[in-house]
Amino acid sequence: MKLRQIADIRYDLNQSQAEFWGRFGVNQRSGSRIERGQVMPLPISILVRLYLDGVISEADLDRANRKVRIERAL
């Protein structure tokens, strides 16, 4: 998937960069860089592809993000 396509999908979803990229653990600034052509890290690329293909859901990403926040707090 080309990076420009991801930005188009984000626009179609009517989501800000912070909202779209945040679900993948990416801050707005890094999401902007990715959309402008910076190489997307492979783990993020895999997550985005699985999400856009419907293999993982918003709920799956929310659970993963909560677990990471809890682990970081310990």
PDB file of N, CA and C in Angstrom:
ATOM      1  N   MET A   1       0.843  -1.180   0.000  1.00  0.00           N
ATOM      2  CA  MET A   1       0.000   0.000   0.000  1.00  0.00           C
ATOM      3  C   MET A   1       0.887   1.241   0.000  1.00  0.00           C
ATOM      4  N   LYS A   2       0.560   2.164  -0.862  1.00  0.00           N
ATOM      5  CA  LYS A   2       1.321   3.407  -0.930  1.00  0.00           C
ATOM      6  C   LYS A   2       0.883   4.345   0.184  1.00  0.00           C
ATOM      7  N   LEU A   3       1.841   5.118   0.666  1.00  0.00           N
ATOM      8  CA  LEU A   3       1.558   6.017   1.777  1.00  0.00           C
ATOM      9  C   LEU A   3       0.466   7.018   1.436  1.00  0.00           C
ATOM     10  N   ARG A   4       0.451   7.492   0.207  1.00  0.00           N
ATOM     11  CA  ARG A   4      -0.579   8.453  -0.201  1.00  0.00           C
ATOM     12  C   ARG A   4      -1.963   7.826  -0.082  1.00  0.00           C
ATOM     13  N   GLN A   5      -2.062   6.541  -0.362  1.00  0.00           N
ATOM     14  CA  GLN A   5      -3.349   5.858  -0.236  1.00  0.00           C
ATOM     15  C   GLN A   5      -3.832   5.874   1.212  1.00  0.00           C
ATOM     16  N   ILE A   6      -2.911   5.738   2.143  1.00  0.00           N
ATOM     17  CA  ILE A   6      -3.292   5.752   3.555  1.00  0.00           C
ATOM     18  C   ILE A   6      -3.863   7.119   3.927  1.00  0.00           C
ATOM     19  N   ALA A   7      -3.238   8.174   3.469  1.00  0.00           N
ATOM     20  CA  ALA A   7      -3.762   9.519   3.743  1.00  0.00           C
ATOM     21  C   ALA A   7      -5.155   9.671   3.135  1.00  0.00           C
ATOM     22  N   ASP A   8      -5.358   9.154   1.928  1.00  0.00           N
ATOM     23  CA  ASP A   8      -6.679   9.223   1.300  1.00  0.00           C
ATOM     24  C   ASP A   8      -7.721   8.455   2.114  1.00  0.00           C
ATOM     25  N   ILE A   9      -7.335   7.295   2.614  1.00  0.00           N
ATOM     26  CA  ILE A   9      -8.246   6.506   3.452  1.00  0.00           C
ATOM     27  C   ILE A   9      -8.578   7.283   4.721  1.00  0.00           C
ATOM     28  N   ARG A  10      -7.558   7.898   5.315  1.00  0.00           N
ATOM     29  CA  ARG A  10      -7.785   8.692   6.526  1.00  0.00           C
ATOM     30  C   ARG A  10      -8.760   9.829   6.246  1.00  0.00           C
ATOM     31  N   TYR A  11      -8.573  10.503   5.101  1.00  0.00           N
ATOM     32  CA  TYR A  11      -9.500  11.576   4.722  1.00  0.00           C
ATOM     33  C   TYR A  11     -10.913  11.027   4.536  1.00  0.00           C
ATOM     34  N   ASP A  12     -11.020   9.876   3.860  1.00  0.00           N
ATOM     35  CA  ASP A  12     -12.333   9.265   3.635  1.00  0.00           C
ATOM     36  C   ASP A  12     -13.019   8.912   4.952  1.00  0.00           C
ATOM     37  N   LEU A  13     -12.233   8.533   5.958  1.00  0.00           N
ATOM     38  CA  LEU A  13     -12.774   8.220   7.276  1.00  0.00           C
ATOM     39  C   LEU A  13     -13.072   9.476   8.090  1.00  0.00           C
ATOM     40  N   ASN A  14     -12.677  10.630   7.539  1.00  0.00           N
ATOM     41  CA  ASN A  14     -12.880  11.920   8.204  1.00  0.00           C
ATOM     42  C   ASN A  14     -12.211  11.941   9.581  1.00  0.00           C
ATOM     43  N   GLN A  15     -10.951  11.482   9.611  1.00  0.00           N
ATOM     44  CA  GLN A  15     -10.215  11.424  10.864  1.00  0.00           C
ATOM     45  C   GLN A  15      -8.965  12.290  10.784  1.00  0.00           C
ATOM     46  N   SER A  16      -8.634  12.885  11.914  1.00  0.00           N
ATOM     47  CA  SER A  16      -7.398  13.651  11.996  1.00  0.00           C
ATOM     48  C   SER A  16      -6.218  12.684  11.997  1.00  0.00           C
ATOM     49  N   GLN A  17      -5.032  13.230  11.768  1.00  0.00           N
ATOM     50  CA  GLN A  17      -3.842  12.390  11.842  1.00  0.00           C
ATOM     51  C   GLN A  17      -3.687  11.807  13.241  1.00  0.00           C
ATOM     52  N   ALA A  18      -3.917  12.617  14.258  1.00  0.00           N
ATOM     53  CA  ALA A  18      -3.781  12.142  15.642  1.00  0.00           C
ATOM     54  C   ALA A  18      -4.743  10.993  15.912  1.00  0.00           C
ATOM     55  N   GLU A  19      -5.967  11.120  15.439  1.00  0.00           N
ATOM     56  CA  GLU A  19      -6.976  10.086  15.671  1.00  0.00           C
ATOM     57  C   GLU A  19      -6.640   8.801  14.911  1.00  0.00           C
ATOM     58  N   PHE A  20      -6.300   8.935  13.626  1.00  0.00           N
ATOM     59  CA  PHE A  20      -6.010   7.756  12.813  1.00  0.00           C
ATOM     60  C   PHE A  20      -4.753   7.045  13.278  1.00  0.00           C
ATOM     61  N   TRP A  21      -3.655   7.788  13.371  1.00  0.00           N
ATOM     62  CA  TRP A  21      -2.370   7.167  13.699  1.00  0.00           C
ATOM     63  C   TRP A  21      -2.271   6.746  15.156  1.00  0.00           C
ATOM     64  N   GLY A  22      -3.002   7.434  16.031  1.00  0.00           N
ATOM     65  CA  GLY A  22      -2.961   7.095  17.451  1.00  0.00           C
ATOM     66  C   GLY A  22      -3.386   5.665  17.733  1.00  0.00           C
ATOM     67  N   ARG A  23      -4.320   5.144  16.964  1.00  0.00           N
ATOM     68  CA  ARG A  23      -4.774   3.768  17.192  1.00  0.00           C
ATOM     69  C   ARG A  23      -3.662   2.756  16.948  1.00  0.00           C
ATOM     70  N   PHE A  24      -2.626   3.170  16.199  1.00  0.00           N
ATOM     71  CA  PHE A  24      -1.500   2.278  15.910  1.00  0.00           C
ATOM     72  C   PHE A  24      -0.278   2.604  16.773  1.00  0.00           C
ATOM     73  N   GLY A  25      -0.471   3.482  17.767  1.00  0.00           N
ATOM     74  CA  GLY A  25       0.626   3.843  18.648  1.00  0.00           C
ATOM     75  C   GLY A  25       1.587   4.852  18.045  1.00  0.00           C
ATOM     76  N   VAL A  26       1.117   5.579  17.037  1.00  0.00           N
ATOM     77  CA  VAL A  26       1.948   6.565  16.340  1.00  0.00           C
ATOM     78  C   VAL A  26       1.401   7.950  16.648  1.00  0.00           C
ATOM     79  N   ASN A  27       2.269   8.880  17.042  1.00  0.00           N
ATOM     80  CA  ASN A  27       1.783  10.231  17.330  1.00  0.00           C
ATOM     81  C   ASN A  27       1.526  10.991  16.019  1.00  0.00           C
ATOM     82  N   GLN A  28       0.868  12.132  16.130  1.00  0.00           N
ATOM     83  CA  GLN A  28       0.469  12.907  14.953  1.00  0.00           C
ATOM     84  C   GLN A  28       1.671  13.306  14.122  1.00  0.00           C
ATOM     85  N   ARG A  29       2.719  13.743  14.777  1.00  0.00           N
ATOM     86  CA  ARG A  29       3.906  14.215  14.060  1.00  0.00           C
ATOM     87  C   ARG A  29       4.521  13.105  13.207  1.00  0.00           C
ATOM     88  N   SER A  30       4.650  11.924  13.791  1.00  0.00           N
ATOM     89  CA  SER A  30       5.203  10.795  13.045  1.00  0.00           C
ATOM     90  C   SER A  30       4.251  10.346  11.935  1.00  0.00           C
ATOM     91  N   GLY A  31       2.944  10.381  12.224  1.00  0.00           N
ATOM     92  CA  GLY A  31       1.955  10.041  11.197  1.00  0.00           C
ATOM     93  C   GLY A  31       2.047  10.976  10.004  1.00  0.00           C
ATOM     94  N   SER A  32       2.241  12.251  10.274  1.00  0.00           N
ATOM     95  CA  SER A  32       2.411  13.231   9.206  1.00  0.00           C
ATOM     96  C   SER A  32       3.641  12.917   8.367  1.00  0.00           C
ATOM     97  N   ARG A  33       4.722  12.582   9.038  1.00  0.00           N
ATOM     98  CA  ARG A  33       5.952  12.235   8.315  1.00  0.00           C
ATOM     99  C   ARG A  33       5.743  10.999   7.441  1.00  0.00           C
ATOM    100  N   ILE A  34       5.045  10.012   7.980  1.00  0.00           N
ATOM    101  CA  ILE A  34       4.765   8.803   7.196  1.00  0.00           C
ATOM    102  C   ILE A  34       3.951   9.163   5.965  1.00  0.00           C
ATOM    103  N   GLU A  35       2.930   9.987   6.142  1.00  0.00           N
ATOM    104  CA  GLU A  35       2.088  10.382   5.005  1.00  0.00           C
ATOM    105  C   GLU A  35       2.860  11.178   3.965  1.00  0.00           C
ATOM    106  N   ARG A  36       3.930  11.840   4.392  1.00  0.00           N
ATOM    107  CA  ARG A  36       4.746  12.618   3.444  1.00  0.00           C
ATOM    108  C   ARG A  36       5.871  11.792   2.829  1.00  0.00           C
ATOM    109  N   GLY A  37       5.964  10.514   3.174  1.00  0.00           N
ATOM    110  CA  GLY A  37       6.926   9.663   2.494  1.00  0.00           C
ATOM    111  C   GLY A  37       7.993   9.009   3.338  1.00  0.00           C
ATOM    112  N   GLN A  38       8.040   9.315   4.639  1.00  0.00           N
ATOM    113  CA  GLN A  38       9.003   8.625   5.495  1.00  0.00           C
ATOM    114  C   GLN A  38       8.633   7.147   5.533  1.00  0.00           C
ATOM    115  N   VAL A  39       9.636   6.305   5.568  1.00  0.00           N
ATOM    116  CA  VAL A  39       9.395   4.867   5.603  1.00  0.00           C
ATOM    117  C   VAL A  39       8.625   4.515   6.872  1.00  0.00           C
ATOM    118  N   MET A  40       7.562   3.746   6.684  1.00  0.00           N
ATOM    119  CA  MET A  40       6.759   3.312   7.813  1.00  0.00           C
ATOM    120  C   MET A  40       7.432   2.088   8.437  1.00  0.00           C
ATOM    121  N   PRO A  41       7.637   2.100   9.753  1.00  0.00           N
ATOM    122  CA  PRO A  41       8.216   0.925  10.395  1.00  0.00           C
ATOM    123  C   PRO A  41       7.369  -0.321  10.098  1.00  0.00           C
ATOM    124  N   LEU A  42       8.041  -1.444   9.892  1.00  0.00           N
ATOM    125  CA  LEU A  42       7.348  -2.675   9.509  1.00  0.00           C
ATOM    126  C   LEU A  42       6.226  -3.065  10.471  1.00  0.00           C
ATOM    127  N   PRO A  43       6.426  -3.027  11.796  1.00  0.00           N
ATOM    128  CA  PRO A  43       5.315  -3.398  12.682  1.00  0.00           C
ATOM    129  C   PRO A  43       4.074  -2.515  12.491  1.00  0.00           C
ATOM    130  N   ILE A  44       4.290  -1.231  12.272  1.00  0.00           N
ATOM    131  CA  ILE A  44       3.160  -0.314  12.046  1.00  0.00           C
ATOM    132  C   ILE A  44       2.502  -0.637  10.711  1.00  0.00           C
ATOM    133  N   SER A  45       3.305  -0.891   9.703  1.00  0.00           N
ATOM    134  CA  SER A  45       2.789  -1.255   8.388  1.00  0.00           C
ATOM    135  C   SER A  45       1.906  -2.499   8.469  1.00  0.00           C
ATOM    136  N   ILE A  46       2.360  -3.480   9.227  1.00  0.00           N
ATOM    137  CA  ILE A  46       1.572  -4.709   9.387  1.00  0.00           C
ATOM    138  C   ILE A  46       0.258  -4.414  10.090  1.00  0.00           C
ATOM    139  N   LEU A  47       0.307  -3.635  11.172  1.00  0.00           N
ATOM    140  CA  LEU A  47      -0.924  -3.284  11.898  1.00  0.00           C
ATOM    141  C   LEU A  47      -1.914  -2.537  11.011  1.00  0.00           C
ATOM    142  N   VAL A  48      -1.410  -1.564  10.258  1.00  0.00           N
ATOM    143  CA  VAL A  48      -2.283  -0.781   9.382  1.00  0.00           C
ATOM    144  C   VAL A  48      -2.925  -1.690   8.345  1.00  0.00           C
ATOM    145  N   ARG A  49      -2.141  -2.559   7.726  1.00  0.00           N
ATOM    146  CA  ARG A  49      -2.677  -3.469   6.711  1.00  0.00           C
ATOM    147  C   ARG A  49      -3.743  -4.391   7.308  1.00  0.00           C
ATOM    148  N   LEU A  50      -3.459  -4.978   8.470  1.00  0.00           N
ATOM    149  CA  LEU A  50      -4.432  -5.868   9.109  1.00  0.00           C
ATOM    150  C   LEU A  50      -5.711  -5.128   9.474  1.00  0.00           C
ATOM    151  N   TYR A  51      -5.567  -3.893   9.949  1.00  0.00           N
ATOM    152  CA  TYR A  51      -6.738  -3.077  10.304  1.00  0.00           C
ATOM    153  C   TYR A  51      -7.565  -2.744   9.061  1.00  0.00           C
ATOM    154  N   LEU A  52      -6.899  -2.281   8.020  1.00  0.00           N
ATOM    155  CA  LEU A  52      -7.626  -1.892   6.805  1.00  0.00           C
ATOM    156  C   LEU A  52      -8.250  -3.089   6.096  1.00  0.00           C
ATOM    157  N   ASP A  53      -7.658  -4.269   6.266  1.00  0.00           N
ATOM    158  CA  ASP A  53      -8.220  -5.490   5.680  1.00  0.00           C
ATOM    159  C   ASP A  53      -9.312  -6.104   6.547  1.00  0.00           C
ATOM    160  N   GLY A  54      -9.555  -5.517   7.729  1.00  0.00           N
ATOM    161  CA  GLY A  54     -10.606  -6.009   8.606  1.00  0.00           C
ATOM    162  C   GLY A  54     -10.226  -7.233   9.424  1.00  0.00           C
ATOM    163  N   VAL A  55      -8.949  -7.573   9.453  1.00  0.00           N
ATOM    164  CA  VAL A  55      -8.489  -8.731  10.219  1.00  0.00           C
ATOM    165  C   VAL A  55      -8.463  -8.406  11.710  1.00  0.00           C
ATOM    166  N   ILE A  56      -8.055  -7.190  12.046  1.00  0.00           N
ATOM    167  CA  ILE A  56      -8.116  -6.734  13.434  1.00  0.00           C
ATOM    168  C   ILE A  56      -9.053  -5.532  13.493  1.00  0.00           C
ATOM    169  N   SER A  57      -9.703  -5.398  14.618  1.00  0.00           N
ATOM    170  CA  SER A  57     -10.720  -4.357  14.767  1.00  0.00           C
ATOM    171  C   SER A  57     -10.217  -3.203  15.619  1.00  0.00           C
ATOM    172  N   GLU A  58     -11.040  -2.197  15.674  1.00  0.00           N
ATOM    173  CA  GLU A  58     -10.776  -1.054  16.555  1.00  0.00           C
ATOM    174  C   GLU A  58     -10.663  -1.536  17.998  1.00  0.00           C
ATOM    175  N   ALA A  59     -11.528  -2.460  18.393  1.00  0.00           N
ATOM    176  CA  ALA A  59     -11.503  -3.001  19.752  1.00  0.00           C
ATOM    177  C   ALA A  59     -10.189  -3.736  20.024  1.00  0.00           C
ATOM    178  N   ASP A  60      -9.693  -4.477  19.041  1.00  0.00           N
ATOM    179  CA  ASP A  60      -8.409  -5.174  19.201  1.00  0.00           C
ATOM    180  C   ASP A  60      -7.282  -4.171  19.460  1.00  0.00           C
ATOM    181  N   LEU A  61      -7.263  -3.100  18.691  1.00  0.00           N
ATOM    182  CA  LEU A  61      -6.221  -2.083  18.856  1.00  0.00           C
ATOM    183  C   LEU A  61      -6.364  -1.379  20.191  1.00  0.00           C
ATOM    184  N   ASP A  62      -7.598  -1.113  20.619  1.00  0.00           N
ATOM    185  CA  ASP A  62      -7.826  -0.480  21.924  1.00  0.00           C
ATOM    186  C   ASP A  62      -7.310  -1.357  23.056  1.00  0.00           C
ATOM    187  N   ARG A  63      -7.597  -2.660  22.989  1.00  0.00           N
ATOM    188  CA  ARG A  63      -7.114  -3.585  24.029  1.00  0.00           C
ATOM    189  C   ARG A  63      -5.597  -3.606  24.068  1.00  0.00           C
ATOM    190  N   ALA A  64      -4.967  -3.652  22.904  1.00  0.00           N
ATOM    191  CA  ALA A  64      -3.495  -3.671  22.843  1.00  0.00           C
ATOM    192  C   ALA A  64      -2.916  -2.384  23.421  1.00  0.00           C
ATOM    193  N   ASN A  65      -3.512  -1.239  23.073  1.00  0.00           N
ATOM    194  CA  ASN A  65      -3.022   0.041  23.591  1.00  0.00           C
ATOM    195  C   ASN A  65      -3.187   0.139  25.101  1.00  0.00           C
ATOM    196  N   ARG A  66      -4.311  -0.356  25.630  1.00  0.00           N
ATOM    197  CA  ARG A  66      -4.515  -0.344  27.084  1.00  0.00           C
ATOM    198  C   ARG A  66      -3.477  -1.206  27.781  1.00  0.00           C
ATOM    199  N   LYS A  67      -3.204  -2.382  27.213  1.00  0.00           N
ATOM    200  CA  LYS A  67      -2.217  -3.277  27.815  1.00  0.00           C
ATOM    201  C   LYS A  67      -0.836  -2.625  27.840  1.00  0.00           C
ATOM    202  N   VAL A  68      -0.454  -1.961  26.756  1.00  0.00           N
ATOM    203  CA  VAL A  68       0.840  -1.299  26.699  1.00  0.00           C
ATOM    204  C   VAL A  68       0.916  -0.177  27.730  1.00  0.00           C
ATOM    205  N   ARG A  69      -0.154   0.602  27.863  1.00  0.00           N
ATOM    206  CA  ARG A  69      -0.158   1.688  28.858  1.00  0.00           C
ATOM    207  C   ARG A  69      -0.026   1.138  30.268  1.00  0.00           C
ATOM    208  N   ILE A  70      -0.700   0.024  30.562  1.00  0.00           N
ATOM    209  CA  ILE A  70      -0.611  -0.580  31.887  1.00  0.00           C
ATOM    210  C   ILE A  70       0.799  -1.091  32.140  1.00  0.00           C
ATOM    211  N   GLU A  71       1.373  -1.767  31.157  1.00  0.00           N
ATOM    212  CA  GLU A  71       2.738  -2.298  31.319  1.00  0.00           C
ATOM    213  C   GLU A  71       3.745  -1.186  31.527  1.00  0.00           C
ATOM    214  N   ARG A  72       3.586  -0.082  30.831  1.00  0.00           N
ATOM    215  CA  ARG A  72       4.496   1.051  30.983  1.00  0.00           C
ATOM    216  C   ARG A  72       4.370   1.683  32.363  1.00  0.00           C
ATOM    217  N   ALA A  73       3.163   1.620  32.950  1.00  0.00           N
ATOM    218  CA  ALA A  73       2.929   2.224  34.257  1.00  0.00           C
ATOM    219  C   ALA A  73       3.528   1.399  35.390  1.00  0.00           C
ATOM    220  N   LEU A  74       3.760   0.127  35.124  1.00  0.00           N
ATOM    221  CA  LEU A  74       4.286  -0.755  36.196  1.00  0.00           C
ATOM    222  C   LEU A  74       5.730  -0.559  36.449  1.00  0.00           C
TER     223      LEU A  74
END
